[in-house]
Amino acid sequence: MRSVAIVGVGLIGGSFAKALRAAGFAGPILGVSSPATLAKAGPIVDRPANLDEAACCDLVFLSRPISGILETLEELRTDSIVTDAGSTKRVVCAAAAHLPNFTGGHPMAGKEVSGVEHSDPNLFRDRPWLFTSEPPSPLREWVTRIGARIVVTTPEEHDRLVALASHLPQLLSNALAEIASPARHVSGPGLESMTRLSASPFEIWKDILDTNGDEILRALDLYRDRLGESRAALAEGRPRDLFLGGADRDIPRRL
């Protein structure tokens, strides 16, 4: 892999560029983003580019919000390796069906803040990086070299699992931050840890909710049912059942 184009040089795109450099990638890294974003990116990318120039690179990495990824896929025509970093996969993979070397991707890493100024070369280290098919060997090699753990799944399974592992925690954090707001002045680190995600802006999450709503609703239903069981256990004097080790429950079966 001799050249890389990053379409969307924000937190994830900028972190990917930094991680590649830290892992020894010596080829040019092109950035497709707004002038304001590229001005903040500084030396993270070698030069700005348009989409036609990006399409000539060996790897095209789409790291815009999902709606932006879909817009890019409408225009993109290339035989190069293409992957993305979108948080939902069914809609993205369907939109990329015309690209011969596309594999959907999703690094399970991020922060509650956005922007290239927060990019970090270690963001992906020891984190799962999900792909919707076996990634081409150059992509697999570099994702492994930057320290991520590759997991191959299907678009459907990705959206189901990530609704539980990522989208549900975000919504629970939002709800808890609102409910616990009157007690914030007496809270300790536990509440801070559990509400950290609530600082994430709606603009980042709108596309996720729009494109994975069915699986997120299913995850919310599972959580609602479990809360009902917890409430019943407490009301009936079975407090041990409120904890994972306290009852004979098959947790994986619930998922």
C-alpha atoms as a PDB file:
ATOM      1  CA  MET A   1       0.000   0.000   0.000  1.00  0.00           C
ATOM      2  CA  ARG A   2       1.761   3.112  -1.243  1.00  0.00           C
ATOM      3  CA  SER A   3      -0.792   5.906  -0.817  1.00  0.00           C
ATOM      4  CA  VAL A   4      -3.812   6.673   1.351  1.00  0.00           C
ATOM      5  CA  ALA A   5      -6.657   9.167   1.022  1.00  0.00           C
ATOM      6  CA  ILE A   6      -8.688  10.108   4.061  1.00  0.00           C
ATOM      7  CA  VAL A   7     -12.122  11.510   3.263  1.00  0.00           C
ATOM      8  CA  GLY A   8     -13.117  13.301   6.449  1.00  0.00           C
ATOM      9  CA  VAL A   9     -10.075  14.349   8.481  1.00  0.00           C
ATOM     10  CA  GLY A  10     -11.746  14.555  11.882  1.00  0.00           C
ATOM     11  CA  LEU A  11     -11.131  12.639  15.091  1.00  0.00           C
ATOM     12  CA  ILE A  12     -11.152   9.194  13.472  1.00  0.00           C
ATOM     13  CA  GLY A  13      -9.595  10.173  10.141  1.00  0.00           C
ATOM     14  CA  GLY A  14      -6.893  12.234  11.799  1.00  0.00           C
ATOM     15  CA  SER A  15      -6.163   9.488  14.307  1.00  0.00           C
ATOM     16  CA  PHE A  16      -5.879   6.953  11.485  1.00  0.00           C
ATOM     17  CA  ALA A  17      -3.367   9.156   9.671  1.00  0.00           C
ATOM     18  CA  LYS A  18      -1.321   9.633  12.845  1.00  0.00           C
ATOM     19  CA  ALA A  19      -1.478   5.915  13.621  1.00  0.00           C
ATOM     20  CA  LEU A  20      -0.257   4.995  10.128  1.00  0.00           C
ATOM     21  CA  ARG A  21       2.705   7.343  10.447  1.00  0.00           C
ATOM     22  CA  ALA A  22       3.546   6.016  13.908  1.00  0.00           C
ATOM     23  CA  ALA A  23       3.448   2.468  12.518  1.00  0.00           C
ATOM     24  CA  GLY A  24       5.905   3.341   9.768  1.00  0.00           C
ATOM     25  CA  PHE A  25       3.758   4.191   6.756  1.00  0.00           C
ATOM     26  CA  ALA A  26       5.930   6.380   4.534  1.00  0.00           C
ATOM     27  CA  GLY A  27       3.698   7.045   1.526  1.00  0.00           C
ATOM     28  CA  PRO A  28       1.628  10.158   0.877  1.00  0.00           C
ATOM     29  CA  ILE A  29      -1.551  10.687   2.892  1.00  0.00           C
ATOM     30  CA  LEU A  30      -4.090  12.916   1.149  1.00  0.00           C
ATOM     31  CA  GLY A  31      -6.902  14.677   2.968  1.00  0.00           C
ATOM     32  CA  VAL A  32     -10.369  15.391   1.592  1.00  0.00           C
ATOM     33  CA  SER A  33     -12.069  17.786   4.013  1.00  0.00           C
ATOM     34  CA  SER A  34     -13.156  21.370   4.373  1.00  0.00           C
ATOM     35  CA  PRO A  35     -10.416  24.042   4.206  1.00  0.00           C
ATOM     36  CA  ALA A  36     -11.067  24.893   7.859  1.00  0.00           C
ATOM     37  CA  THR A  37     -10.569  21.283   8.936  1.00  0.00           C
ATOM     38  CA  LEU A  38      -7.443  20.851   6.834  1.00  0.00           C
ATOM     39  CA  ALA A  39      -6.022  24.054   8.317  1.00  0.00           C
ATOM     40  CA  LYS A  40      -6.380  22.504  11.775  1.00  0.00           C
ATOM     41  CA  ALA A  41      -4.977  19.182  10.563  1.00  0.00           C
ATOM     42  CA  GLY A  42      -1.600  20.758   9.777  1.00  0.00           C
ATOM     43  CA  PRO A  43       1.042  18.114   9.077  1.00  0.00           C
ATOM     44  CA  ILE A  44      -1.315  15.182   9.721  1.00  0.00           C
ATOM     45  CA  VAL A  45      -1.946  14.948   5.961  1.00  0.00           C
ATOM     46  CA  ASP A  46       0.581  15.685   3.254  1.00  0.00           C
ATOM     47  CA  ARG A  47      -1.735  17.695   1.057  1.00  0.00           C
ATOM     48  CA  PRO A  48      -5.416  18.422   0.429  1.00  0.00           C
ATOM     49  CA  ALA A  49      -7.158  16.621  -2.407  1.00  0.00           C
ATOM     50  CA  ASN A  50     -10.501  16.302  -4.144  1.00  0.00           C
ATOM     51  CA  LEU A  51     -12.437  13.062  -4.455  1.00  0.00           C
ATOM     52  CA  ASP A  52     -11.119  12.282  -7.941  1.00  0.00           C
ATOM     53  CA  GLU A  53      -7.551  12.512  -6.662  1.00  0.00           C
ATOM     54  CA  ALA A  54      -8.447  10.441  -3.618  1.00  0.00           C
ATOM     55  CA  ALA A  55      -9.880   7.713  -5.843  1.00  0.00           C
ATOM     56  CA  CYS A  56      -6.421   7.181  -7.343  1.00  0.00           C
ATOM     57  CA  CYS A  57      -4.855   6.246  -4.000  1.00  0.00           C
ATOM     58  CA  ASP A  58      -4.323   2.625  -3.014  1.00  0.00           C
ATOM     59  CA  LEU A  59      -6.628   2.997  -0.011  1.00  0.00           C
ATOM     60  CA  VAL A  60      -9.603   5.342   0.350  1.00  0.00           C
ATOM     61  CA  PHE A  61     -10.708   5.688   3.972  1.00  0.00           C
ATOM     62  CA  LEU A  62     -14.151   7.260   4.463  1.00  0.00           C
ATOM     63  CA  SER A  63     -14.457   8.768   7.926  1.00  0.00           C
ATOM     64  CA  ARG A  64     -17.235  11.319   7.600  1.00  0.00           C
ATOM     65  CA  PRO A  65     -20.553  11.006   9.452  1.00  0.00           C
ATOM     66  CA  ILE A  66     -22.783   8.342   7.926  1.00  0.00           C
ATOM     67  CA  SER A  67     -24.780  10.796   5.814  1.00  0.00           C
ATOM     68  CA  GLY A  68     -21.481  12.148   4.471  1.00  0.00           C
ATOM     69  CA  ILE A  69     -20.206   8.645   3.750  1.00  0.00           C
ATOM     70  CA  LEU A  70     -23.367   7.932   1.782  1.00  0.00           C
ATOM     71  CA  GLU A  71     -22.959  11.160  -0.199  1.00  0.00           C
ATOM     72  CA  THR A  72     -19.354  10.254  -0.969  1.00  0.00           C
ATOM     73  CA  LEU A  73     -20.291   6.751  -2.082  1.00  0.00           C
ATOM     74  CA  GLU A  74     -22.756   8.181  -4.594  1.00  0.00           C
ATOM     75  CA  GLU A  75     -19.888   9.999  -6.308  1.00  0.00           C
ATOM     76  CA  LEU A  76     -16.970   7.634  -5.752  1.00  0.00           C
ATOM     77  CA  ARG A  77     -15.815   5.467  -8.632  1.00  0.00           C
ATOM     78  CA  THR A  78     -12.599   3.520  -8.117  1.00  0.00           C
ATOM     79  CA  ASP A  79     -11.033   0.073  -8.246  1.00  0.00           C
ATOM     80  CA  SER A  80      -8.898   0.913  -5.216  1.00  0.00           C
ATOM     81  CA  ILE A  81      -9.440  -0.566  -1.771  1.00  0.00           C
ATOM     82  CA  VAL A  82     -12.198   1.382  -0.031  1.00  0.00           C
ATOM     83  CA  THR A  83     -13.317   1.130   3.560  1.00  0.00           C
ATOM     84  CA  ASP A  84     -15.158   3.346   5.995  1.00  0.00           C
ATOM     85  CA  ALA A  85     -15.452   4.078   9.691  1.00  0.00           C
ATOM     86  CA  GLY A  86     -19.221   4.476   9.935  1.00  0.00           C
ATOM     87  CA  SER A  87     -21.005   3.308  13.065  1.00  0.00           C
ATOM     88  CA  THR A  88     -23.718   1.420  11.166  1.00  0.00           C
ATOM     89  CA  LYS A  89     -23.089  -0.928   8.293  1.00  0.00           C
ATOM     90  CA  ARG A  90     -26.220  -2.180   6.517  1.00  0.00           C
ATOM     91  CA  VAL A  91     -27.005   1.112   4.805  1.00  0.00           C
ATOM     92  CA  VAL A  92     -23.351   1.871   4.035  1.00  0.00           C
ATOM     93  CA  CYS A  93     -22.603  -1.533   2.512  1.00  0.00           C
ATOM     94  CA  ALA A  94     -25.713  -1.342   0.358  1.00  0.00           C
ATOM     95  CA  ALA A  95     -24.644   2.082  -0.940  1.00  0.00           C
ATOM     96  CA  ALA A  96     -21.149   0.762  -1.727  1.00  0.00           C
ATOM     97  CA  ALA A  97     -22.299  -2.227  -3.784  1.00  0.00           C
ATOM     98  CA  HIS A  98     -20.904  -0.682  -6.991  1.00  0.00           C
ATOM     99  CA  LEU A  99     -17.333  -0.606  -5.641  1.00  0.00           C
ATOM    100  CA  PRO A 100     -15.433  -3.828  -6.425  1.00  0.00           C
ATOM    101  CA  ASN A 101     -12.977  -3.557  -3.520  1.00  0.00           C
ATOM    102  CA  PHE A 102     -15.116  -2.188  -0.722  1.00  0.00           C
ATOM    103  CA  THR A 103     -15.286  -3.689   2.740  1.00  0.00           C
ATOM    104  CA  GLY A 104     -17.298  -1.988   5.443  1.00  0.00           C
ATOM    105  CA  GLY A 105     -15.318  -1.075   8.526  1.00  0.00           C
ATOM    106  CA  HIS A 106     -15.878   0.316  11.991  1.00  0.00           C
ATOM    107  CA  PRO A 107     -13.090   0.934  14.511  1.00  0.00           C
ATOM    108  CA  MET A 108     -14.614   0.609  17.980  1.00  0.00           C
ATOM    109  CA  ALA A 109     -12.762   3.596  19.307  1.00  0.00           C
ATOM    110  CA  GLY A 110     -13.552   7.229  19.841  1.00  0.00           C
ATOM    111  CA  LYS A 111     -14.047  10.000  22.338  1.00  0.00           C
ATOM    112  CA  GLU A 112     -16.938  12.084  23.573  1.00  0.00           C
ATOM    113  CA  VAL A 113     -15.399  14.997  21.674  1.00  0.00           C
ATOM    114  CA  SER A 114     -14.934  15.395  17.931  1.00  0.00           C
ATOM    115  CA  GLY A 115     -12.498  17.171  15.633  1.00  0.00           C
ATOM    116  CA  VAL A 116      -9.050  16.570  14.235  1.00  0.00           C
ATOM    117  CA  GLU A 117      -7.542  18.577  17.081  1.00  0.00           C
ATOM    118  CA  HIS A 118      -8.419  15.665  19.380  1.00  0.00           C
ATOM    119  CA  SER A 119      -6.894  12.988  17.137  1.00  0.00           C
ATOM    120  CA  ASP A 120      -4.615  10.440  18.766  1.00  0.00           C
ATOM    121  CA  PRO A 121      -2.245   7.902  17.146  1.00  0.00           C
ATOM    122  CA  ASN A 122      -3.030   5.399  19.920  1.00  0.00           C
ATOM    123  CA  LEU A 123      -6.809   5.666  19.594  1.00  0.00           C
ATOM    124  CA  PHE A 124      -7.184   2.236  17.975  1.00  0.00           C
ATOM    125  CA  ARG A 125      -4.632   0.306  20.010  1.00  0.00           C
ATOM    126  CA  ASP A 126      -6.116  -2.839  21.590  1.00  0.00           C
ATOM    127  CA  ARG A 127      -9.576  -1.919  20.258  1.00  0.00           C
ATOM    128  CA  PRO A 128     -11.765  -4.074  17.981  1.00  0.00           C
ATOM    129  CA  TRP A 129     -11.912  -3.008  14.353  1.00  0.00           C
ATOM    130  CA  LEU A 130     -14.968  -4.556  12.731  1.00  0.00           C
ATOM    131  CA  PHE A 131     -15.080  -5.459   9.040  1.00  0.00           C
ATOM    132  CA  THR A 132     -18.074  -6.727   7.097  1.00  0.00           C
ATOM    133  CA  SER A 133     -15.927  -9.073   5.011  1.00  0.00           C
ATOM    134  CA  GLU A 134     -12.356 -10.255   5.103  1.00  0.00           C
ATOM    135  CA  PRO A 135     -10.288  -7.082   4.513  1.00  0.00           C
ATOM    136  CA  PRO A 136      -7.769  -7.078   1.652  1.00  0.00           C
ATOM    137  CA  SER A 137      -4.312  -8.037   2.881  1.00  0.00           C
ATOM    138  CA  PRO A 138      -2.790  -4.511   2.727  1.00  0.00           C
ATOM    139  CA  LEU A 139      -5.660  -3.120   4.813  1.00  0.00           C
ATOM    140  CA  ARG A 140      -5.471  -6.017   7.266  1.00  0.00           C
ATOM    141  CA  GLU A 141      -1.714  -5.544   7.610  1.00  0.00           C
ATOM    142  CA  TRP A 142      -1.895  -1.833   8.463  1.00  0.00           C
ATOM    143  CA  VAL A 143      -4.886  -2.098  10.770  1.00  0.00           C
ATOM    144  CA  THR A 144      -2.997  -4.804  12.641  1.00  0.00           C
ATOM    145  CA  ARG A 145       0.181  -2.733  12.693  1.00  0.00           C
ATOM    146  CA  ILE A 146      -1.566   0.210  14.319  1.00  0.00           C
ATOM    147  CA  GLY A 147      -2.603  -2.119  17.122  1.00  0.00           C
ATOM    148  CA  ALA A 148      -6.293  -2.854  16.450  1.00  0.00           C
ATOM    149  CA  ARG A 149      -7.929  -6.284  16.748  1.00  0.00           C
ATOM    150  CA  ILE A 150      -9.726  -7.307  13.552  1.00  0.00           C
ATOM    151  CA  VAL A 151     -13.201  -8.843  13.868  1.00  0.00           C
ATOM    152  CA  VAL A 152     -15.038  -9.985  10.722  1.00  0.00           C
ATOM    153  CA  THR A 153     -18.827 -10.044  10.793  1.00  0.00           C
ATOM    154  CA  THR A 154     -21.773  -9.292   8.502  1.00  0.00           C
ATOM    155  CA  PRO A 155     -23.446  -5.894   8.141  1.00  0.00           C
ATOM    156  CA  GLU A 156     -26.543  -7.250   9.885  1.00  0.00           C
ATOM    157  CA  GLU A 157     -24.629  -8.776  12.781  1.00  0.00           C
ATOM    158  CA  HIS A 158     -22.515  -5.653  13.100  1.00  0.00           C
ATOM    159  CA  ASP A 159     -25.555  -3.430  13.519  1.00  0.00           C
ATOM    160  CA  ARG A 160     -27.126  -5.787  16.063  1.00  0.00           C
ATOM    161  CA  LEU A 161     -23.995  -6.113  18.182  1.00  0.00           C
ATOM    162  CA  VAL A 162     -22.997  -2.462  18.028  1.00  0.00           C
ATOM    163  CA  ALA A 163     -26.505  -1.411  19.052  1.00  0.00           C
ATOM    164  CA  LEU A 164     -25.810  -3.289  22.295  1.00  0.00           C
ATOM    165  CA  ALA A 165     -22.153  -2.419  22.719  1.00  0.00           C
ATOM    166  CA  SER A 166     -22.153   1.247  21.681  1.00  0.00           C
ATOM    167  CA  HIS A 167     -25.510   2.783  20.810  1.00  0.00           C
ATOM    168  CA  LEU A 168     -27.357   1.572  23.906  1.00  0.00           C
ATOM    169  CA  PRO A 169     -24.638   2.842  26.313  1.00  0.00           C
ATOM    170  CA  GLN A 170     -24.840   6.279  24.698  1.00  0.00           C
ATOM    171  CA  LEU A 171     -28.582   6.540  25.221  1.00  0.00           C
ATOM    172  CA  LEU A 172     -28.364   5.197  28.774  1.00  0.00           C
ATOM    173  CA  SER A 173     -25.648   7.729  29.573  1.00  0.00           C
ATOM    174  CA  ASN A 174     -27.855  10.509  28.222  1.00  0.00           C
ATOM    175  CA  ALA A 175     -30.802   9.383  30.336  1.00  0.00           C
ATOM    176  CA  LEU A 176     -28.763   8.907  33.499  1.00  0.00           C
ATOM    177  CA  ALA A 177     -27.145  12.335  33.158  1.00  0.00           C
ATOM    178  CA  GLU A 178     -30.601  13.924  33.022  1.00  0.00           C
ATOM    179  CA  ILE A 179     -32.089  11.889  35.874  1.00  0.00           C
ATOM    180  CA  ALA A 180     -29.073  12.346  38.164  1.00  0.00           C
ATOM    181  CA  SER A 181     -28.562  16.029  37.402  1.00  0.00           C
ATOM    182  CA  PRO A 182     -30.003  17.216  40.764  1.00  0.00           C
ATOM    183  CA  ALA A 183     -27.443  15.059  42.582  1.00  0.00           C
ATOM    184  CA  ARG A 184     -24.421  16.033  40.491  1.00  0.00           C
ATOM    185  CA  HIS A 185     -22.967  18.213  43.281  1.00  0.00           C
ATOM    186  CA  VAL A 186     -22.667  15.216  45.621  1.00  0.00           C
ATOM    187  CA  SER A 187     -21.608  12.624  43.041  1.00  0.00           C
ATOM    188  CA  GLY A 188     -18.367  10.672  42.973  1.00  0.00           C
ATOM    189  CA  PRO A 189     -16.384   9.138  40.098  1.00  0.00           C
ATOM    190  CA  GLY A 190     -18.991   6.438  39.449  1.00  0.00           C
ATOM    191  CA  LEU A 191     -21.570   8.863  38.093  1.00  0.00           C
ATOM    192  CA  GLU A 192     -18.899  10.733  36.164  1.00  0.00           C
ATOM    193  CA  SER A 193     -17.786   7.518  34.473  1.00  0.00           C
ATOM    194  CA  MET A 194     -21.311   6.450  33.610  1.00  0.00           C
ATOM    195  CA  THR A 195     -22.354   9.834  32.198  1.00  0.00           C
ATOM    196  CA  ARG A 196     -19.165  10.668  30.285  1.00  0.00           C
ATOM    197  CA  LEU A 197     -20.778   9.729  26.982  1.00  0.00           C
ATOM    198  CA  SER A 198     -23.605  12.189  27.513  1.00  0.00           C
ATOM    199  CA  ALA A 199     -21.234  14.945  26.381  1.00  0.00           C
ATOM    200  CA  SER A 200     -21.374  13.551  22.832  1.00  0.00           C
ATOM    201  CA  PRO A 201     -23.181  15.957  20.487  1.00  0.00           C
ATOM    202  CA  PHE A 202     -26.447  14.993  18.813  1.00  0.00           C
ATOM    203  CA  GLU A 203     -24.980  15.900  15.408  1.00  0.00           C
ATOM    204  CA  ILE A 204     -22.686  12.874  15.630  1.00  0.00           C
ATOM    205  CA  TRP A 205     -25.482  10.539  16.686  1.00  0.00           C
ATOM    206  CA  LYS A 206     -28.344  11.635  14.432  1.00  0.00           C
ATOM    207  CA  ASP A 207     -27.205   9.497  11.505  1.00  0.00           C
ATOM    208  CA  ILE A 208     -26.642   6.488  13.754  1.00  0.00           C
ATOM    209  CA  LEU A 209     -30.149   6.701  15.177  1.00  0.00           C
ATOM    210  CA  ASP A 210     -31.599   7.190  11.690  1.00  0.00           C
ATOM    211  CA  THR A 211     -29.830   4.162  10.181  1.00  0.00           C
ATOM    212  CA  ASN A 212     -29.919   1.654  13.044  1.00  0.00           C
ATOM    213  CA  GLY A 213     -33.155   2.551  14.791  1.00  0.00           C
ATOM    214  CA  ASP A 214     -34.642  -0.954  14.642  1.00  0.00           C
ATOM    215  CA  GLU A 215     -31.687  -2.585  16.397  1.00  0.00           C
ATOM    216  CA  ILE A 216     -31.409   0.238  18.919  1.00  0.00           C
ATOM    217  CA  LEU A 217     -35.097  -0.190  19.790  1.00  0.00           C
ATOM    218  CA  ARG A 218     -34.481  -3.901  20.293  1.00  0.00           C
ATOM    219  CA  ALA A 219     -31.546  -3.134  22.593  1.00  0.00           C
ATOM    220  CA  LEU A 220     -33.640  -0.645  24.566  1.00  0.00           C
ATOM    221  CA  ASP A 221     -36.365  -3.263  24.946  1.00  0.00           C
ATOM    222  CA  LEU A 222     -33.855  -5.758  26.332  1.00  0.00           C
ATOM    223  CA  TYR A 223     -32.618  -3.187  28.822  1.00  0.00           C
ATOM    224  CA  ARG A 224     -36.151  -2.195  29.785  1.00  0.00           C
ATOM    225  CA  ASP A 225     -36.982  -5.842  30.476  1.00  0.00           C
ATOM    226  CA  ARG A 226     -33.865  -6.278  32.579  1.00  0.00           C
ATOM    227  CA  LEU A 227     -34.674  -3.151  34.598  1.00  0.00           C
ATOM    228  CA  GLY A 228     -38.131  -4.600  35.211  1.00  0.00           C
ATOM    229  CA  GLU A 229     -36.538  -7.780  36.550  1.00  0.00           C
ATOM    230  CA  SER A 230     -34.226  -5.709  38.745  1.00  0.00           C
ATOM    231  CA  ARG A 231     -37.112  -3.715  40.152  1.00  0.00           C
ATOM    232  CA  ALA A 232     -39.047  -6.893  40.896  1.00  0.00           C
ATOM    233  CA  ALA A 233     -36.027  -8.485  42.570  1.00  0.00           C
ATOM    234  CA  LEU A 234     -35.563  -5.479  44.847  1.00  0.00           C
ATOM    235  CA  ALA A 235     -39.256  -5.223  45.680  1.00  0.00           C
ATOM    236  CA  GLU A 236     -39.446  -8.941  46.462  1.00  0.00           C
ATOM    237  CA  GLY A 237     -36.372  -8.988  48.698  1.00  0.00           C
ATOM    238  CA  ARG A 238     -33.983 -10.666  46.270  1.00  0.00           C
ATOM    239  CA  PRO A 239     -31.193  -8.046  46.139  1.00  0.00           C
ATOM    240  CA  ARG A 240     -28.530 -10.563  45.095  1.00  0.00           C
ATOM    241  CA  ASP A 241     -30.350 -10.977  41.796  1.00  0.00           C
ATOM    242  CA  LEU A 242     -29.480  -7.367  40.942  1.00  0.00           C
ATOM    243  CA  PHE A 243     -25.879  -8.425  40.266  1.00  0.00           C
ATOM    244  CA  LEU A 244     -24.533 -10.572  37.445  1.00  0.00           C
ATOM    245  CA  GLY A 245     -23.175 -13.253  39.756  1.00  0.00           C
ATOM    246  CA  GLY A 246     -26.232 -13.288  41.950  1.00  0.00           C
ATOM    247  CA  ALA A 247     -28.641 -15.372  39.913  1.00  0.00           C
ATOM    248  CA  ASP A 248     -28.507 -18.341  37.584  1.00  0.00           C
ATOM    249  CA  ARG A 249     -28.911 -16.323  34.399  1.00  0.00           C
ATOM    250  CA  ASP A 250     -27.501 -17.067  30.983  1.00  0.00           C
ATOM    251  CA  ILE A 251     -26.282 -13.584  30.058  1.00  0.00           C
ATOM    252  CA  PRO A 252     -25.066 -14.381  26.493  1.00  0.00           C
ATOM    253  CA  ARG A 253     -28.472 -15.904  25.661  1.00  0.00           C
ATOM    254  CA  ARG A 254     -30.069 -12.523  26.337  1.00  0.00           C
ATOM    255  CA  LEU A 255     -28.049 -10.938  23.563  1.00  0.00           C
END
